[in-house]
Amino acid sequence: MRQLTAWLVTIMMTAVVLLPSIAFATPEKEESLLQTIEEIIAWKKQDEQIDESAPLLSKPFLAHAGNTNGDWYPVGLGRIGYPDDYSAYLAVIKNNVIERYKTSEKLSEMKATEWHRISLAILSAAGDPTAVSGINLIADGTYNRGLTTSLGAQGINGWIWGLITLDSMRYKVPEDADMKRIEIIKEIISLQLEDGGFSFYGNEAEPDMTAMAVQALAPYYQSTEEFTYIQKDLDEEVTKTMHMIIDEALEKLSNMQTSSGGFSAQNDDNVESAAQVLVALTSLGIHPEEDERFVKGDHSLLDFIMSYQLDDGGFVHAKTYNADNPSSLPDESNSMASEQVLYALVSLYRLENGYRTMYDFRPENPVEMKQQMLELMEDIQDIHDNTDAKKLQQLLDTYENFPIEERSYVYNFHKLVEAAEKQSIEIDLPAFSENYDVYTKGNGTIAPIYQEQTAPRNINERDVEKINAIPTPLTTEHYIDVVSLIDQFEQADNKDDYEAELAQLYRYKEDMEKIEAEIQSINETVLDQLYPFTDLTSKDRDNVDAILERFNALAPYDQEKVLNYEDLKKSKTQIDNAVRAKRISWLLGIVATGLIIIILLRIQKRRRQRD
């Protein structure tokens, strides 16, 4: 794995050269960041007693799918594209959702964040949360959540993560939706405290909540749109741009940062609060080591986070023991602390290498558009007091050539706005909040960072050998390999020379998806017709035979994805025993009836003889 890290660093430096205005990492720091990410994953495997060469998303870990302990690691893995069994996670989490939807409260009676966390995890594994066996988690958990329980029933958390989830693919909100995107935004900003921070409860700002609010609002940071709303802490109507709102929050976060570079919650320094701030900053295009607001003396936010890593690769929650949180020991790596650091470092890595922000799961922009944005940001960075109006107008025209839903990635656009206003240049731009209706459905993307396509190069015979090495008959075991190869072939300059190989990969992908669909169909049939297996009778024989025929047609690897597959195999014996018992009972009944008839006939015969 260390060789992989070094190789990745080498090829990523090509990309870094193309990022003049946001290229922050040196090769040494780049390697250190990747190494730390790998160490966290290795620690989690050890924590789950999973072999280091096996996927983290395997049986021991997958038992946690559907809860906080099991859904955030897939987010971290998928957002950096770590090689793992994402299809296995999707199979388990989909079943988890289906089962929970059979109850009256579905995923939760009060916690909308159950929908949000699971949706983000599904997107991270390249799944579609709008189509989970007919269940639309996005609709149910965001714009239509109010049809059952208010999105804010659990406080600001529901609003924050509802907006993050809604914007994760820039989902379109239907006309007849219970709540519009702008309403969710206003619910969040109305809860901003007078000092710029946010709080889960009360009027004392908390670093975690403030950072999460910034994460949710980040896609609107560069918008010129003005919001008019009631700021509840002031109990008065205010009108602000999102840039003003977030800058107030950033100022509060900077003031809350301790001299060690970190953050405290309930008077205890802890790594999770710092991790959330790191995600917030990177969501805005801010590097924590380059912004003086978040460097205290010689201590940066990243320095603070890294000081919490133990020798085993994991991270501790806090360095001092707290009786109110006895599960978080200062000398023992903590799963929640490690998972939050994992995806925070992934968020930083994505910023440093020009990828979309942590919670933007849309396909990456074309290289040409990224380069144009970077050139525009360079030009904006060069603006000074003597920059004339003509030049500023040219920059504005360039900016307006980008699709509205992509303009948030011009991270320093507000500097251009300020310069244009000084020159009395009129700026009339569409509101971001009205133009993020892009997708109604679709799969998330697994970042290609750990795949060979990260380095722009031509296809060679080694790549073709990888296709030939995929075993047939096909199973879903190599689905990620196929998807990765497709992406690599599609991006290669010489892809036209390998049309047949690419067509073969498309066929493999289609066939594997059919297998996955068959597994899901079998699971649904098992739940509908056989579960629980303890209640099977001879009347279920035809159903069992039909399901077993489909089950036996699957490869052994895919059979293990079928729910209670061991019980399914045993059900045949159970049914056969039931049928055998019924036949024996029937035969015994016939024999008993025959004996009774014989006895009755003999009795009648004796009576006749007596007469």
Foldseek 3Di string as FASTA:
>chain_A
DLVLLLVLLVQLVVLLVLQVVQQDDDSVVSSVLVVLLLLLLQLLCVVLVHDSVAASLDDSLLVCQLDPLRQLLLLLCQLQQPDHQLLLSLLSNLVVQVVQCVDPCRSHQQALVSLLSNCSSQQSSFHWCCPSPNHGSLLCSAQAVVVRPDLCSQHLVSLLSNLLSCLLALAADDPPTNDASVRSLQVNLLQQAPQLAHDRDDRDHDLLRLLSNLLSLLLQQLFPDKDWHQNVNVRDIDIDGSVVSNVSSLLVNLVQQDLQLFHDDPPFTFLLSLLSNLLSQLSLLHHQVPDVSRHRDPHTSVNVNVVQADPSSAGFGGLDADPVCNVGDNHDHDSVSRSSNSLSSSQNSCSNSVAHGSSHQHDGDDPVVSSLLSVLLVVLVPDDLPDDLVVLVVSVVSLVVDQLSPSSVSSPNVSSVVSNVVVVNDDDDDRSSVRSNDDNIGHGGRDCSSPPLSRAEADDVVLVVLLVPQDPPHELSCLSVLVSSLVSLVRHPVSVVVPVSNVVSVVNNVVRVVLSVLLVVLQVLCVVQCPPVVPDALVCQVVLVVSVVSLVVHDPVSNVSRPPSVSSVCSNVVNVVRVVVVVVVVVVVVVVVVVVVVVVVVVVVVVVVVD
